[in-house]
Amino acid sequence: MRHQRMLVPVLALALVMLPAISARAQGGEVPRGPTFSARALQALIDGIQFGVIIAITSVGLSLIFGTIHLINFAHGEFVTIGATFAFFLNVSAAGPGWHLIPAALAAVVFGALLGAAVDRGIWRPLRARGTGLINMFIVTIGLSLLLRHVVLVLYGTRPASYAQYDIQSTVDLGPAGITPRDLTVTLLAVLVLLGVAALLQKTRIGTAVRAVSANRDLAEASGIDVQRVVLFVWMLGAGLAALGGVFFGLVEIVTWDMGFKLLLLMFAGVILGGLGSAYGAMVGSLVIGIVAQMSTLWFPVDLQYAWALLVLIVVLLVRPQGILGRAERVG
């Protein structure tokens, strides 16, 4: 009996070693996984892609806070609405069956118009009545719940993907790889971010946005139409969020709560980069995306967002105003 009990671990070890022994007997080599450097490069590529998508969605969130100091909890729903609206035009049986590119452009326009409608219909009347920021923040939570469940009713709970660019072969980039779809999304996201930066730096409306963000009262006294600037910021932010939703749904999957799941990382990117700074939101989001993906080299995937938020805490302990934020005197 004792010999039988000793035989069990020996047989188990033999079963584990059998594939390796068989491979060597046939003159082959035991298959090995990718090296750590290859996995690190792949995680870096995935992190850059994830980071630029977060950056596109979070720029509007940062600009809105910079102009009217509103923490918009409903911003994630613009991401979801952009993704699901493009899905309706591209895939849904009730839709026109457009190709994804015109469907994505239409989703951006729809998101911008929705942002304008929300500002004109809700936030401008509340600002005119002198509603406090805390009360307006509570309104954003209610608006988020409303929009999310409207999407749930119209779209449903079943995850889905777009009709084009779903299954593609990987392009080798040395030891790492990326699909043409993911590479295109990353490059387009970078170009969009560069375009937003040029808009803020080189155009009159961009200068007005920066002036309102820096000092609203002084900007209004100098003749800038602050209400017009705020409306433009809402349209720009909602349009970018809708585009980010299409990109996120293209590389991942379209779900009814995808924007809400991404909202915490958007806030993290904005706070890490510096509240109210569009460039800070870009940099902070890129850091969050890279850290989230690189952490999977050592820790379970389920904890990748937790490590990104831990980096946020550490950076804020050293630099409370964020990476590109400006230090303000309190008291």
C-alpha atoms as a PDB file:
ATOM      1  CA  MET A   1       0.000   0.000   0.000  1.00  0.00           C
ATOM      2  CA  ARG A   2       2.808   2.342   0.889  1.00  0.00           C
ATOM      3  CA  HIS A   3       4.505   1.592  -2.458  1.00  0.00           C
ATOM      4  CA  GLN A   4       1.288   2.450  -4.302  1.00  0.00           C
ATOM      5  CA  ARG A   5       1.140   5.830  -2.573  1.00  0.00           C
ATOM      6  CA  MET A   6       4.745   6.517  -3.560  1.00  0.00           C
ATOM      7  CA  LEU A   7       3.970   5.532  -7.147  1.00  0.00           C
ATOM      8  CA  VAL A   8       1.346   8.287  -7.603  1.00  0.00           C
ATOM      9  CA  PRO A   9       3.733  11.305  -7.575  1.00  0.00           C
ATOM     10  CA  VAL A  10       6.193   9.393  -9.766  1.00  0.00           C
ATOM     11  CA  LEU A  11       3.496   8.798 -12.414  1.00  0.00           C
ATOM     12  CA  ALA A  12       2.387  12.425 -12.208  1.00  0.00           C
ATOM     13  CA  LEU A  13       5.969  13.616 -12.776  1.00  0.00           C
ATOM     14  CA  ALA A  14       6.314  11.222 -15.706  1.00  0.00           C
ATOM     15  CA  LEU A  15       3.171  12.607 -17.326  1.00  0.00           C
ATOM     16  CA  VAL A  16       4.504  16.142 -16.965  1.00  0.00           C
ATOM     17  CA  MET A  17       7.892  15.245 -18.458  1.00  0.00           C
ATOM     18  CA  LEU A  18       6.520  13.043 -21.251  1.00  0.00           C
ATOM     19  CA  PRO A  19       6.055  15.820 -23.879  1.00  0.00           C
ATOM     20  CA  ALA A  20       9.620  17.070 -23.367  1.00  0.00           C
ATOM     21  CA  ILE A  21      11.071  13.564 -23.508  1.00  0.00           C
ATOM     22  CA  SER A  22       9.081  12.783 -26.671  1.00  0.00           C
ATOM     23  CA  ALA A  23      10.218  15.992 -28.369  1.00  0.00           C
ATOM     24  CA  ARG A  24      13.886  15.270 -27.648  1.00  0.00           C
ATOM     25  CA  ALA A  25      13.506  11.656 -28.795  1.00  0.00           C
ATOM     26  CA  GLN A  26      12.191  12.854 -32.151  1.00  0.00           C
ATOM     27  CA  GLY A  27      15.102  15.229 -32.583  1.00  0.00           C
ATOM     28  CA  GLY A  28      13.019  18.336 -31.918  1.00  0.00           C
ATOM     29  CA  GLU A  29      13.280  21.060 -29.293  1.00  0.00           C
ATOM     30  CA  VAL A  30      10.960  21.701 -26.434  1.00  0.00           C
ATOM     31  CA  PRO A  31       8.739  24.669 -27.425  1.00  0.00           C
ATOM     32  CA  ARG A  32       9.508  27.776 -25.425  1.00  0.00           C
ATOM     33  CA  GLY A  33       7.421  30.850 -24.784  1.00  0.00           C
ATOM     34  CA  PRO A  34       8.468  34.393 -25.699  1.00  0.00           C
ATOM     35  CA  THR A  35      11.331  35.930 -23.779  1.00  0.00           C
ATOM     36  CA  PHE A  36      10.772  38.573 -21.124  1.00  0.00           C
ATOM     37  CA  SER A  37      12.104  41.336 -23.415  1.00  0.00           C
ATOM     38  CA  ALA A  38       9.644  40.301 -26.144  1.00  0.00           C
ATOM     39  CA  ARG A  39       6.749  40.312 -23.684  1.00  0.00           C
ATOM     40  CA  ALA A  40       7.882  43.687 -22.337  1.00  0.00           C
ATOM     41  CA  LEU A  41       7.984  45.183 -25.834  1.00  0.00           C
ATOM     42  CA  GLN A  42       4.534  43.777 -26.590  1.00  0.00           C
ATOM     43  CA  ALA A  43       3.168  45.208 -23.335  1.00  0.00           C
ATOM     44  CA  LEU A  44       4.703  48.599 -24.162  1.00  0.00           C
ATOM     45  CA  ILE A  45       3.061  48.634 -27.598  1.00  0.00           C
ATOM     46  CA  ASP A  46      -0.288  47.646 -26.092  1.00  0.00           C
ATOM     47  CA  GLY A  47       0.146  50.284 -23.379  1.00  0.00           C
ATOM     48  CA  ILE A  48       0.794  53.065 -25.887  1.00  0.00           C
ATOM     49  CA  GLN A  49      -2.299  52.037 -27.836  1.00  0.00           C
ATOM     50  CA  PHE A  50      -4.422  51.919 -24.688  1.00  0.00           C
ATOM     51  CA  GLY A  51      -2.966  55.193 -23.439  1.00  0.00           C
ATOM     52  CA  VAL A  52      -3.709  57.225 -26.571  1.00  0.00           C
ATOM     53  CA  ILE A  53      -7.295  55.947 -26.593  1.00  0.00           C
ATOM     54  CA  ILE A  54      -7.713  57.047 -22.973  1.00  0.00           C
ATOM     55  CA  ALA A  55      -6.107  60.377 -23.901  1.00  0.00           C
ATOM     56  CA  ILE A  56      -8.631  61.062 -26.676  1.00  0.00           C
ATOM     57  CA  THR A  57     -11.535  60.444 -24.328  1.00  0.00           C
ATOM     58  CA  SER A  58     -10.060  62.378 -21.394  1.00  0.00           C
ATOM     59  CA  VAL A  59      -9.047  65.594 -23.194  1.00  0.00           C
ATOM     60  CA  GLY A  60     -12.637  66.822 -23.272  1.00  0.00           C
ATOM     61  CA  LEU A  61     -13.082  65.918 -19.614  1.00  0.00           C
ATOM     62  CA  SER A  62     -10.067  68.072 -18.742  1.00  0.00           C
ATOM     63  CA  LEU A  63     -11.152  71.001 -20.936  1.00  0.00           C
ATOM     64  CA  ILE A  64     -14.642  71.006 -19.407  1.00  0.00           C
ATOM     65  CA  PHE A  65     -13.174  71.148 -15.927  1.00  0.00           C
ATOM     66  CA  GLY A  66     -10.777  73.879 -17.023  1.00  0.00           C
ATOM     67  CA  THR A  67     -13.500  76.144 -18.425  1.00  0.00           C
ATOM     68  CA  ILE A  68     -16.419  75.686 -15.986  1.00  0.00           C
ATOM     69  CA  HIS A  69     -14.776  73.652 -13.168  1.00  0.00           C
ATOM     70  CA  LEU A  70     -17.351  70.892 -13.560  1.00  0.00           C
ATOM     71  CA  ILE A  71     -16.458  67.280 -12.797  1.00  0.00           C
ATOM     72  CA  ASN A  72     -18.546  65.618 -15.493  1.00  0.00           C
ATOM     73  CA  PHE A  73     -19.394  62.124 -14.283  1.00  0.00           C
ATOM     74  CA  ALA A  74     -21.469  61.568 -17.441  1.00  0.00           C
ATOM     75  CA  HIS A  75     -18.470  61.931 -19.753  1.00  0.00           C
ATOM     76  CA  GLY A  76     -18.057  58.165 -20.011  1.00  0.00           C
ATOM     77  CA  GLU A  77     -21.529  57.891 -21.526  1.00  0.00           C
ATOM     78  CA  PHE A  78     -20.413  59.997 -24.506  1.00  0.00           C
ATOM     79  CA  VAL A  79     -17.813  57.281 -25.121  1.00  0.00           C
ATOM     80  CA  THR A  80     -20.497  54.591 -25.058  1.00  0.00           C
ATOM     81  CA  ILE A  81     -22.904  56.594 -27.209  1.00  0.00           C
ATOM     82  CA  GLY A  82     -20.233  57.174 -29.861  1.00  0.00           C
ATOM     83  CA  ALA A  83     -19.390  53.466 -30.018  1.00  0.00           C
ATOM     84  CA  THR A  84     -22.999  52.253 -30.072  1.00  0.00           C
ATOM     85  CA  PHE A  85     -24.133  54.895 -32.585  1.00  0.00           C
ATOM     86  CA  ALA A  86     -21.392  53.786 -34.980  1.00  0.00           C
ATOM     87  CA  PHE A  87     -22.428  50.180 -34.318  1.00  0.00           C
ATOM     88  CA  PHE A  88     -26.030  51.041 -35.256  1.00  0.00           C
ATOM     89  CA  LEU A  89     -24.927  52.580 -38.559  1.00  0.00           C
ATOM     90  CA  ASN A  90     -22.427  49.803 -39.284  1.00  0.00           C
ATOM     91  CA  VAL A  91     -23.901  46.511 -38.076  1.00  0.00           C
ATOM     92  CA  SER A  92     -27.434  46.800 -36.707  1.00  0.00           C
ATOM     93  CA  ALA A  93     -30.182  45.253 -38.818  1.00  0.00           C
ATOM     94  CA  ALA A  94     -32.254  48.415 -38.349  1.00  0.00           C
ATOM     95  CA  GLY A  95     -29.373  50.622 -39.520  1.00  0.00           C
ATOM     96  CA  PRO A  96     -28.223  51.586 -43.028  1.00  0.00           C
ATOM     97  CA  GLY A  97     -25.232  49.204 -43.022  1.00  0.00           C
ATOM     98  CA  TRP A  98     -22.562  51.847 -43.608  1.00  0.00           C
ATOM     99  CA  HIS A  99     -18.880  51.083 -43.715  1.00  0.00           C
ATOM    100  CA  LEU A 100     -17.177  51.716 -40.385  1.00  0.00           C
ATOM    101  CA  ILE A 101     -15.278  54.831 -41.528  1.00  0.00           C
ATOM    102  CA  PRO A 102     -18.350  56.963 -42.434  1.00  0.00           C
ATOM    103  CA  ALA A 103     -20.172  55.449 -39.450  1.00  0.00           C
ATOM    104  CA  ALA A 104     -17.354  56.611 -37.153  1.00  0.00           C
ATOM    105  CA  LEU A 105     -17.395  60.122 -38.644  1.00  0.00           C
ATOM    106  CA  ALA A 106     -21.168  60.284 -38.181  1.00  0.00           C
ATOM    107  CA  ALA A 107     -20.738  59.133 -34.574  1.00  0.00           C
ATOM    108  CA  VAL A 108     -18.280  61.974 -33.925  1.00  0.00           C
ATOM    109  CA  VAL A 109     -20.729  64.521 -35.340  1.00  0.00           C
ATOM    110  CA  PHE A 110     -23.572  63.019 -33.323  1.00  0.00           C
ATOM    111  CA  GLY A 111     -21.455  63.129 -30.167  1.00  0.00           C
ATOM    112  CA  ALA A 112     -20.574  66.787 -30.747  1.00  0.00           C
ATOM    113  CA  LEU A 113     -24.232  67.705 -31.303  1.00  0.00           C
ATOM    114  CA  LEU A 114     -25.208  65.793 -28.168  1.00  0.00           C
ATOM    115  CA  GLY A 115     -22.574  67.692 -26.203  1.00  0.00           C
ATOM    116  CA  ALA A 116     -23.966  70.984 -27.498  1.00  0.00           C
ATOM    117  CA  ALA A 117     -27.519  69.922 -26.608  1.00  0.00           C
ATOM    118  CA  VAL A 118     -26.483  68.950 -23.082  1.00  0.00           C
ATOM    119  CA  ASP A 119     -24.734  72.273 -22.543  1.00  0.00           C
ATOM    120  CA  ARG A 120     -27.572  74.400 -23.957  1.00  0.00           C
ATOM    121  CA  GLY A 121     -30.328  72.368 -22.370  1.00  0.00           C
ATOM    122  CA  ILE A 122     -28.895  71.590 -18.920  1.00  0.00           C
ATOM    123  CA  TRP A 123     -25.654  73.258 -17.931  1.00  0.00           C
ATOM    124  CA  ARG A 124     -26.184  76.764 -19.280  1.00  0.00           C
ATOM    125  CA  PRO A 125     -29.547  77.191 -17.491  1.00  0.00           C
ATOM    126  CA  LEU A 126     -28.005  75.808 -14.282  1.00  0.00           C
ATOM    127  CA  ARG A 127     -25.058  78.207 -14.552  1.00  0.00           C
ATOM    128  CA  ALA A 128     -27.444  81.097 -15.182  1.00  0.00           C
ATOM    129  CA  ARG A 129     -29.280  80.254 -11.957  1.00  0.00           C
ATOM    130  CA  GLY A 130     -26.044  80.175 -10.012  1.00  0.00           C
ATOM    131  CA  THR A 131     -26.244  76.470  -9.185  1.00  0.00           C
ATOM    132  CA  GLY A 132     -23.318  75.318  -7.049  1.00  0.00           C
ATOM    133  CA  LEU A 133     -20.667  72.973  -8.374  1.00  0.00           C
ATOM    134  CA  ILE A 134     -21.577  70.225  -5.901  1.00  0.00           C
ATOM    135  CA  ASN A 135     -25.197  70.316  -7.047  1.00  0.00           C
ATOM    136  CA  MET A 136     -24.097  70.245 -10.685  1.00  0.00           C
ATOM    137  CA  PHE A 137     -21.846  67.281  -9.944  1.00  0.00           C
ATOM    138  CA  ILE A 138     -24.856  65.403  -8.546  1.00  0.00           C
ATOM    139  CA  VAL A 139     -26.719  66.259 -11.743  1.00  0.00           C
ATOM    140  CA  THR A 140     -23.902  64.719 -13.802  1.00  0.00           C
ATOM    141  CA  ILE A 141     -24.321  61.467 -11.859  1.00  0.00           C
ATOM    142  CA  GLY A 142     -28.046  61.435 -12.604  1.00  0.00           C
ATOM    143  CA  LEU A 143     -27.394  62.257 -16.258  1.00  0.00           C
ATOM    144  CA  SER A 144     -24.869  59.422 -16.423  1.00  0.00           C
ATOM    145  CA  LEU A 145     -27.393  56.914 -15.071  1.00  0.00           C
ATOM    146  CA  LEU A 146     -30.064  58.178 -17.461  1.00  0.00           C
ATOM    147  CA  LEU A 147     -27.897  58.014 -20.591  1.00  0.00           C
ATOM    148  CA  ARG A 148     -26.419  54.632 -19.620  1.00  0.00           C
ATOM    149  CA  HIS A 149     -29.802  52.997 -19.213  1.00  0.00           C
ATOM    150  CA  VAL A 150     -31.147  54.580 -22.399  1.00  0.00           C
ATOM    151  CA  VAL A 151     -28.234  52.917 -24.202  1.00  0.00           C
ATOM    152  CA  LEU A 152     -29.016  49.679 -22.355  1.00  0.00           C
ATOM    153  CA  VAL A 153     -32.625  49.739 -23.582  1.00  0.00           C
ATOM    154  CA  LEU A 154     -31.710  50.611 -27.184  1.00  0.00           C
ATOM    155  CA  TYR A 155     -28.538  48.525 -27.541  1.00  0.00           C
ATOM    156  CA  GLY A 156     -29.018  45.625 -25.124  1.00  0.00           C
ATOM    157  CA  THR A 157     -26.565  43.749 -22.960  1.00  0.00           C
ATOM    158  CA  ARG A 158     -24.960  41.527 -25.593  1.00  0.00           C
ATOM    159  CA  PRO A 159     -21.346  42.489 -26.473  1.00  0.00           C
ATOM    160  CA  ALA A 160     -20.681  42.828 -30.197  1.00  0.00           C
ATOM    161  CA  SER A 161     -18.050  44.005 -32.653  1.00  0.00           C
ATOM    162  CA  TYR A 162     -18.027  46.068 -35.814  1.00  0.00           C
ATOM    163  CA  ALA A 163     -18.436  44.501 -39.235  1.00  0.00           C
ATOM    164  CA  GLN A 164     -15.046  45.516 -40.651  1.00  0.00           C
ATOM    165  CA  TYR A 165     -11.481  44.876 -39.431  1.00  0.00           C
ATOM    166  CA  ASP A 166     -12.563  42.217 -36.935  1.00  0.00           C
ATOM    167  CA  ILE A 167     -10.080  39.396 -37.639  1.00  0.00           C
ATOM    168  CA  GLN A 168      -6.631  40.293 -38.960  1.00  0.00           C
ATOM    169  CA  SER A 169      -3.190  38.748 -39.117  1.00  0.00           C
ATOM    170  CA  THR A 170      -0.480  40.183 -36.891  1.00  0.00           C
ATOM    171  CA  VAL A 171       2.325  42.278 -38.368  1.00  0.00           C
ATOM    172  CA  ASP A 172       5.677  41.422 -36.777  1.00  0.00           C
ATOM    173  CA  LEU A 173       7.574  44.315 -35.225  1.00  0.00           C
ATOM    174  CA  GLY A 174      10.690  42.461 -34.214  1.00  0.00           C
ATOM    175  CA  PRO A 175       9.862  40.207 -31.264  1.00  0.00           C
ATOM    176  CA  ALA A 176       6.435  41.847 -30.834  1.00  0.00           C
ATOM    177  CA  GLY A 177       3.433  42.105 -33.105  1.00  0.00           C
ATOM    178  CA  ILE A 178       0.419  44.274 -33.842  1.00  0.00           C
ATOM    179  CA  THR A 179      -2.501  43.985 -36.229  1.00  0.00           C
ATOM    180  CA  PRO A 180      -2.930  46.589 -38.991  1.00  0.00           C
ATOM    181  CA  ARG A 181      -6.200  47.608 -37.298  1.00  0.00           C
ATOM    182  CA  ASP A 182      -4.529  48.329 -33.966  1.00  0.00           C
ATOM    183  CA  LEU A 183      -1.611  50.100 -35.636  1.00  0.00           C
ATOM    184  CA  THR A 184      -4.005  52.299 -37.623  1.00  0.00           C
ATOM    185  CA  VAL A 185      -6.036  53.128 -34.519  1.00  0.00           C
ATOM    186  CA  THR A 186      -2.883  54.078 -32.623  1.00  0.00           C
ATOM    187  CA  LEU A 187      -1.559  56.301 -35.409  1.00  0.00           C
ATOM    188  CA  LEU A 188      -4.937  57.957 -35.951  1.00  0.00           C
ATOM    189  CA  ALA A 189      -5.268  58.598 -32.219  1.00  0.00           C
ATOM    190  CA  VAL A 190      -1.825  60.218 -32.138  1.00  0.00           C
ATOM    191  CA  LEU A 191      -2.695  62.377 -35.149  1.00  0.00           C
ATOM    192  CA  VAL A 192      -5.967  63.454 -33.520  1.00  0.00           C
ATOM    193  CA  LEU A 193      -4.128  64.419 -30.325  1.00  0.00           C
ATOM    194  CA  LEU A 194      -1.591  66.404 -32.329  1.00  0.00           C
ATOM    195  CA  GLY A 195      -4.468  68.092 -34.150  1.00  0.00           C
ATOM    196  CA  VAL A 196      -6.102  69.050 -30.842  1.00  0.00           C
ATOM    197  CA  ALA A 197      -2.784  70.467 -29.624  1.00  0.00           C
ATOM    198  CA  ALA A 198      -2.420  72.503 -32.825  1.00  0.00           C
ATOM    199  CA  LEU A 199      -6.022  73.698 -32.471  1.00  0.00           C
ATOM    200  CA  LEU A 200      -5.383  74.940 -28.934  1.00  0.00           C
ATOM    201  CA  GLN A 201      -2.086  76.608 -29.835  1.00  0.00           C
ATOM    202  CA  LYS A 202      -2.557  77.974 -33.352  1.00  0.00           C
ATOM    203  CA  THR A 203      -6.212  79.078 -33.689  1.00  0.00           C
ATOM    204  CA  ARG A 204      -8.225  81.932 -32.239  1.00  0.00           C
ATOM    205  CA  ILE A 205     -10.799  79.650 -30.654  1.00  0.00           C
ATOM    206  CA  GLY A 206      -7.978  77.604 -29.123  1.00  0.00           C
ATOM    207  CA  THR A 207      -6.430  80.751 -27.667  1.00  0.00           C
ATOM    208  CA  ALA A 208      -9.834  81.711 -26.283  1.00  0.00           C
ATOM    209  CA  VAL A 209     -10.221  78.269 -24.683  1.00  0.00           C
ATOM    210  CA  ARG A 210      -6.838  78.584 -23.004  1.00  0.00           C
ATOM    211  CA  ALA A 211      -7.666  82.108 -21.849  1.00  0.00           C
ATOM    212  CA  VAL A 212     -10.972  81.016 -20.294  1.00  0.00           C
ATOM    213  CA  SER A 213      -9.253  78.068 -18.620  1.00  0.00           C
ATOM    214  CA  ALA A 214      -6.554  80.328 -17.180  1.00  0.00           C
ATOM    215  CA  ASN A 215      -8.826  83.125 -15.919  1.00  0.00           C
ATOM    216  CA  ARG A 216     -12.500  83.147 -16.833  1.00  0.00           C
ATOM    217  CA  ASP A 217     -13.254  86.643 -15.471  1.00  0.00           C
ATOM    218  CA  LEU A 218     -10.251  88.240 -17.164  1.00  0.00           C
ATOM    219  CA  ALA A 219     -11.094  86.501 -20.449  1.00  0.00           C
ATOM    220  CA  GLU A 220     -14.673  87.815 -20.284  1.00  0.00           C
ATOM    221  CA  ALA A 221     -13.442  91.320 -19.452  1.00  0.00           C
ATOM    222  CA  SER A 222     -11.148  91.247 -22.490  1.00  0.00           C
ATOM    223  CA  GLY A 223     -14.097  90.646 -24.809  1.00  0.00           C
ATOM    224  CA  ILE A 224     -14.082  86.865 -25.203  1.00  0.00           C
ATOM    225  CA  ASP A 225     -17.542  85.311 -25.549  1.00  0.00           C
ATOM    226  CA  VAL A 226     -17.228  82.828 -22.691  1.00  0.00           C
ATOM    227  CA  GLN A 227     -20.545  81.097 -23.396  1.00  0.00           C
ATOM    228  CA  ARG A 228     -19.494  80.461 -26.978  1.00  0.00           C
ATOM    229  CA  VAL A 229     -16.165  79.075 -25.807  1.00  0.00           C
ATOM    230  CA  VAL A 230     -17.876  76.775 -23.304  1.00  0.00           C
ATOM    231  CA  LEU A 231     -20.232  75.516 -26.015  1.00  0.00           C
ATOM    232  CA  PHE A 232     -17.258  74.803 -28.275  1.00  0.00           C
ATOM    233  CA  VAL A 233     -15.498  72.921 -25.461  1.00  0.00           C
ATOM    234  CA  TRP A 234     -18.564  70.730 -24.882  1.00  0.00           C
ATOM    235  CA  MET A 235     -18.819  69.931 -28.586  1.00  0.00           C
ATOM    236  CA  LEU A 236     -15.098  69.218 -28.887  1.00  0.00           C
ATOM    237  CA  GLY A 237     -15.000  67.094 -25.741  1.00  0.00           C
ATOM    238  CA  ALA A 238     -18.090  65.055 -26.617  1.00  0.00           C
ATOM    239  CA  GLY A 239     -16.925  64.550 -30.215  1.00  0.00           C
ATOM    240  CA  LEU A 240     -13.514  63.324 -29.070  1.00  0.00           C
ATOM    241  CA  ALA A 241     -15.145  61.030 -26.507  1.00  0.00           C
ATOM    242  CA  ALA A 242     -17.342  59.546 -29.250  1.00  0.00           C
ATOM    243  CA  LEU A 243     -14.290  58.971 -31.450  1.00  0.00           C
ATOM    244  CA  GLY A 244     -12.448  57.366 -28.549  1.00  0.00           C
ATOM    245  CA  GLY A 245     -15.461  55.113 -28.018  1.00  0.00           C
ATOM    246  CA  VAL A 246     -15.304  53.927 -31.635  1.00  0.00           C
ATOM    247  CA  PHE A 247     -11.563  53.258 -31.318  1.00  0.00           C
ATOM    248  CA  PHE A 248     -12.026  51.427 -28.016  1.00  0.00           C
ATOM    249  CA  GLY A 249     -14.881  49.346 -29.416  1.00  0.00           C
ATOM    250  CA  LEU A 250     -12.784  48.527 -32.477  1.00  0.00           C
ATOM    251  CA  VAL A 251      -9.764  47.194 -30.588  1.00  0.00           C
ATOM    252  CA  GLU A 252     -11.811  45.646 -27.763  1.00  0.00           C
ATOM    253  CA  ILE A 253     -15.588  45.138 -28.020  1.00  0.00           C
ATOM    254  CA  VAL A 254     -18.748  47.257 -27.913  1.00  0.00           C
ATOM    255  CA  THR A 255     -20.771  47.005 -24.702  1.00  0.00           C
ATOM    256  CA  TRP A 256     -23.487  49.116 -23.118  1.00  0.00           C
ATOM    257  CA  ASP A 257     -21.293  50.154 -20.156  1.00  0.00           C
ATOM    258  CA  MET A 258     -17.882  50.443 -21.826  1.00  0.00           C
ATOM    259  CA  GLY A 259     -17.615  54.182 -21.160  1.00  0.00           C
ATOM    260  CA  PHE A 260     -18.412  53.773 -17.487  1.00  0.00           C
ATOM    261  CA  LYS A 261     -15.671  51.156 -17.172  1.00  0.00           C
ATOM    262  CA  LEU A 262     -13.207  53.541 -18.813  1.00  0.00           C
ATOM    263  CA  LEU A 263     -14.297  56.565 -16.746  1.00  0.00           C
ATOM    264  CA  LEU A 264     -12.060  55.848 -13.744  1.00  0.00           C
ATOM    265  CA  LEU A 265      -8.980  55.663 -15.976  1.00  0.00           C
ATOM    266  CA  MET A 266     -10.009  58.910 -17.668  1.00  0.00           C
ATOM    267  CA  PHE A 267     -10.208  60.642 -14.302  1.00  0.00           C
ATOM    268  CA  ALA A 268      -6.858  59.117 -13.358  1.00  0.00           C
ATOM    269  CA  GLY A 269      -5.231  60.430 -16.535  1.00  0.00           C
ATOM    270  CA  VAL A 270      -6.673  63.917 -16.051  1.00  0.00           C
ATOM    271  CA  ILE A 271      -5.629  64.125 -12.395  1.00  0.00           C
ATOM    272  CA  LEU A 272      -2.190  62.642 -13.029  1.00  0.00           C
ATOM    273  CA  GLY A 273      -1.482  65.069 -15.856  1.00  0.00           C
ATOM    274  CA  GLY A 274      -2.886  68.102 -14.038  1.00  0.00           C
ATOM    275  CA  LEU A 275      -6.493  69.226 -13.650  1.00  0.00           C
ATOM    276  CA  GLY A 276      -7.658  71.558 -16.406  1.00  0.00           C
ATOM    277  CA  SER A 277      -4.648  70.938 -18.676  1.00  0.00           C
ATOM    278  CA  ALA A 278      -5.394  69.289 -22.007  1.00  0.00           C
ATOM    279  CA  TYR A 279      -1.729  68.456 -22.517  1.00  0.00           C
ATOM    280  CA  GLY A 280      -1.558  67.082 -18.994  1.00  0.00           C
ATOM    281  CA  ALA A 281      -4.519  64.815 -19.760  1.00  0.00           C
ATOM    282  CA  MET A 282      -2.670  63.472 -22.809  1.00  0.00           C
ATOM    283  CA  VAL A 283       0.530  62.766 -20.874  1.00  0.00           C
ATOM    284  CA  GLY A 284      -1.246  61.392 -17.818  1.00  0.00           C
ATOM    285  CA  SER A 285      -3.433  59.075 -19.887  1.00  0.00           C
ATOM    286  CA  LEU A 286      -0.409  57.740 -21.756  1.00  0.00           C
ATOM    287  CA  VAL A 287       1.317  56.977 -18.442  1.00  0.00           C
ATOM    288  CA  ILE A 288      -1.805  55.237 -17.118  1.00  0.00           C
ATOM    289  CA  GLY A 289      -2.134  53.090 -20.240  1.00  0.00           C
ATOM    290  CA  ILE A 290       1.525  52.041 -20.274  1.00  0.00           C
ATOM    291  CA  VAL A 291       1.631  51.249 -16.550  1.00  0.00           C
ATOM    292  CA  ALA A 292      -1.611  49.247 -16.769  1.00  0.00           C
ATOM    293  CA  GLN A 293      -0.251  47.043 -19.565  1.00  0.00           C
ATOM    294  CA  MET A 294       3.317  46.746 -18.276  1.00  0.00           C
ATOM    295  CA  SER A 295       2.077  45.602 -14.863  1.00  0.00           C
ATOM    296  CA  THR A 296       0.757  42.403 -16.473  1.00  0.00           C
ATOM    297  CA  LEU A 297       4.369  41.240 -16.862  1.00  0.00           C
ATOM    298  CA  TRP A 298       4.535  40.578 -13.117  1.00  0.00           C
ATOM    299  CA  PHE A 299       0.975  40.640 -11.814  1.00  0.00           C
ATOM    300  CA  PRO A 300      -2.430  39.216 -12.852  1.00  0.00           C
ATOM    301  CA  VAL A 301      -4.338  41.046 -15.571  1.00  0.00           C
ATOM    302  CA  ASP A 302      -7.209  41.659 -13.157  1.00  0.00           C
ATOM    303  CA  LEU A 303      -4.941  44.014 -11.158  1.00  0.00           C
ATOM    304  CA  GLN A 304      -3.646  46.131 -14.044  1.00  0.00           C
ATOM    305  CA  TYR A 305      -5.959  49.065 -13.309  1.00  0.00           C
ATOM    306  CA  ALA A 306      -5.091  48.935  -9.624  1.00  0.00           C
ATOM    307  CA  TRP A 307      -1.374  49.371 -10.346  1.00  0.00           C
ATOM    308  CA  ALA A 308      -2.130  52.289 -12.673  1.00  0.00           C
ATOM    309  CA  LEU A 309      -4.060  53.989  -9.879  1.00  0.00           C
ATOM    310  CA  LEU A 310      -1.231  53.241  -7.435  1.00  0.00           C
ATOM    311  CA  VAL A 311       1.156  55.138  -9.721  1.00  0.00           C
ATOM    312  CA  LEU A 312      -1.341  58.022  -9.648  1.00  0.00           C
ATOM    313  CA  ILE A 313      -1.212  58.088  -5.846  1.00  0.00           C
ATOM    314  CA  VAL A 314       2.588  57.952  -5.750  1.00  0.00           C
ATOM    315  CA  VAL A 315       3.003  60.779  -8.273  1.00  0.00           C
ATOM    316  CA  LEU A 316       0.490  62.991  -6.469  1.00  0.00           C
ATOM    317  CA  LEU A 317       2.335  62.447  -3.189  1.00  0.00           C
ATOM    318  CA  VAL A 318       5.459  63.857  -4.833  1.00  0.00           C
ATOM    319  CA  ARG A 319       3.798  66.429  -7.117  1.00  0.00           C
ATOM    320  CA  PRO A 320       0.241  67.238  -5.937  1.00  0.00           C
ATOM    321  CA  GLN A 321      -0.570  69.440  -8.936  1.00  0.00           C
ATOM    322  CA  GLY A 322       0.101  66.608 -11.381  1.00  0.00           C
ATOM    323  CA  ILE A 323       2.747  66.213 -14.074  1.00  0.00           C
ATOM    324  CA  LEU A 324       1.919  69.358 -16.066  1.00  0.00           C
ATOM    325  CA  GLY A 325      -0.354  71.091 -13.567  1.00  0.00           C
ATOM    326  CA  ARG A 326       0.432  74.429 -11.978  1.00  0.00           C
ATOM    327  CA  ALA A 327       1.012  74.715  -8.252  1.00  0.00           C
ATOM    328  CA  GLU A 328      -1.587  76.899  -6.556  1.00  0.00           C
ATOM    329  CA  ARG A 329      -1.316  78.639  -3.246  1.00  0.00           C
ATOM    330  CA  VAL A 330      -3.957  77.622  -0.723  1.00  0.00           C
ATOM    331  CA  GLY A 331      -5.007  80.112   1.967  1.00  0.00           C
END
